[in-house]
Protein backbone atom coordinates (compact mmCIF):
# COMPACT_ATOMS: atom_id res chain seq x y z
CA UNK A 1 85.10 95.22 90.88
CA UNK A 2 87.02 92.97 93.41
CA UNK A 3 88.79 89.37 93.26
CA UNK A 4 85.50 86.96 93.87
CA UNK A 5 83.83 89.47 90.79
CA UNK A 6 86.91 88.91 88.53
CA UNK A 7 86.77 85.10 89.58
CA UNK A 8 83.24 84.87 88.69
CA UNK A 9 83.92 86.79 85.14
CA UNK A 10 86.83 84.18 84.44
CA UNK A 11 85.03 81.30 84.91
CA UNK A 12 81.99 82.23 83.23
CA UNK A 13 83.52 83.59 80.01
CA UNK A 14 83.07 82.14 76.80
CA UNK A 15 86.93 82.11 75.51
CA UNK A 16 88.25 78.65 75.24
CA UNK A 17 91.46 79.08 78.42
CA UNK A 18 88.48 80.57 80.53
CA UNK A 19 86.49 77.78 79.21
CA UNK A 20 89.49 75.04 80.30
CA UNK A 21 90.10 77.05 83.69
CA UNK A 22 86.14 76.57 84.88
CA UNK A 23 85.91 73.08 85.42
CA UNK A 24 89.94 72.71 87.34
CA UNK A 25 88.45 75.71 89.60
CA UNK A 26 84.88 74.72 90.46
CA UNK A 27 86.01 71.07 91.27
CA UNK A 28 88.62 72.55 93.33
CA UNK A 29 86.38 74.55 95.42
CA UNK A 30 84.11 71.36 95.95
CA UNK A 31 87.14 69.72 96.76
CA UNK A 32 87.81 72.46 99.44
CA UNK A 33 84.39 71.94 100.85
CA UNK A 34 84.33 68.55 100.89
CA UNK A 35 88.03 67.78 102.65
CA UNK A 36 87.24 70.80 105.42
CA UNK A 37 83.63 68.69 105.73
CA UNK A 38 85.62 65.63 106.29
CA UNK A 39 88.80 66.51 108.49
CA UNK A 40 86.53 69.10 110.24
CA UNK A 41 82.76 68.76 109.79
CA UNK A 42 82.35 72.12 109.08
CA UNK A 43 82.39 74.07 105.20
CA UNK A 44 85.92 75.83 104.26
CA UNK A 45 84.22 79.48 105.11
CA UNK A 46 83.79 78.34 108.53
CA UNK A 47 87.13 76.78 109.05
CA UNK A 48 89.51 78.96 111.40
CA UNK A 49 92.24 80.25 109.91
CA UNK A 50 94.65 77.45 111.86
CA UNK A 51 92.61 74.57 110.01
CA UNK A 52 92.52 76.70 106.65
CA UNK A 53 96.11 77.21 106.77
CA UNK A 54 96.26 73.24 107.27
CA UNK A 55 94.08 72.05 104.57
CA UNK A 56 96.24 74.71 102.27
CA UNK A 57 99.57 73.75 103.11
CA UNK A 58 98.74 70.12 101.58
CA UNK A 59 97.64 71.59 98.56
CA UNK A 60 99.90 74.77 98.00
CA UNK A 61 103.17 73.73 96.26
CA UNK A 62 102.23 70.61 93.36
CA UNK A 63 105.89 69.61 93.68
CA UNK A 64 105.59 68.28 96.79
CA UNK A 65 102.07 67.83 97.42
CA UNK A 66 101.34 63.91 98.57
CA UNK A 67 99.74 61.64 95.17
CA UNK A 68 96.28 62.23 96.16
CA UNK A 69 96.57 65.69 96.62
CA UNK A 70 98.21 66.61 93.51
CA UNK A 71 94.95 67.63 91.44
CA UNK A 72 94.14 69.96 93.72
CA UNK A 73 97.32 71.54 93.63
CA UNK A 74 97.46 71.71 90.55
CA UNK A 75 93.50 73.59 91.43
CA UNK A 76 94.98 75.86 94.33
CA UNK A 77 98.26 76.96 91.56
CA UNK A 78 95.28 78.26 89.06
CA UNK A 79 93.35 79.70 92.00
CA UNK A 80 96.02 81.63 93.67
CA UNK A 81 97.62 82.95 90.23
CA UNK A 82 93.88 84.06 89.41
CA UNK A 83 93.60 85.74 92.66
CA UNK A 84 96.71 87.32 92.34
CA UNK A 85 95.77 88.81 88.93
CA UNK A 86 92.32 89.71 89.99
CA UNK A 87 93.55 91.60 92.88
CA UNK A 88 96.46 93.53 90.78
CA UNK A 89 93.76 94.88 88.43
CA UNK A 90 92.28 96.90 91.75
CA UNK A 91 92.69 100.02 93.03
CA UNK A 92 94.25 98.36 95.92
CA UNK A 93 96.38 96.16 94.24
CA UNK A 94 97.42 99.33 92.18
CA UNK A 95 98.18 101.02 95.04
CA UNK A 96 100.13 97.87 96.43
CA UNK A 97 102.43 98.61 94.18
CA UNK A 98 102.27 102.06 93.45
CA UNK A 99 100.49 102.32 89.97
CA UNK A 100 98.82 105.31 89.56
CA UNK A 101 97.30 104.80 86.23
CA UNK A 102 97.58 106.97 83.36
CA UNK A 103 98.58 110.43 84.04
CA UNK A 104 98.92 113.65 81.86
CA UNK A 105 101.93 115.54 81.94
CA UNK A 106 103.26 118.80 80.81
CA UNK A 107 106.36 117.34 79.10
CA UNK A 108 108.22 114.46 78.19
CA UNK A 109 111.83 114.06 78.60
CA UNK A 110 111.95 110.84 77.09
CA UNK A 111 113.32 107.55 78.73
CA UNK A 112 115.90 107.70 81.56
CA UNK A 113 119.57 107.36 80.35
CA UNK A 114 120.22 104.15 82.25
CA UNK A 115 116.76 102.02 80.22
CA UNK A 116 118.11 103.51 76.87
CA UNK A 117 122.05 101.63 78.16
CA UNK A 118 120.17 99.16 79.03
CA UNK A 119 118.62 98.76 75.60
CA UNK A 120 121.28 99.96 74.14
CA UNK A 121 119.43 102.44 71.53
CA UNK A 122 119.70 106.26 71.80
CA UNK A 123 117.43 109.09 72.21
CA UNK A 124 116.63 110.67 68.96
CA UNK A 125 113.52 112.29 69.67
CA UNK A 126 113.49 115.96 70.55
């Protein structure tokens, strides 16, 4: 599953959080399409990267977005978070952070000493 499938699954899920996020994401995507057409006379997918960046720059930070873009900035914050979550749940995302998954090991030496010190605990199982 990739990021688009993750997003589709998220907004289709029957759980309260996802049901609450669904209208935010749907309205935000509709806004992107409408704003793209208004500014550039073409859909967001057909914009060049400079045009996409110009549009996204207006909504990428809720704290600095102009009043007319505040609602769209809230969408973008949620969208960016979900895209990151989706990406880091893929094989490519795992590779990017060095996650190798659950691998069997012949032995387990316990946590490293620096972790034990940080947690202020001692190894008691041998």
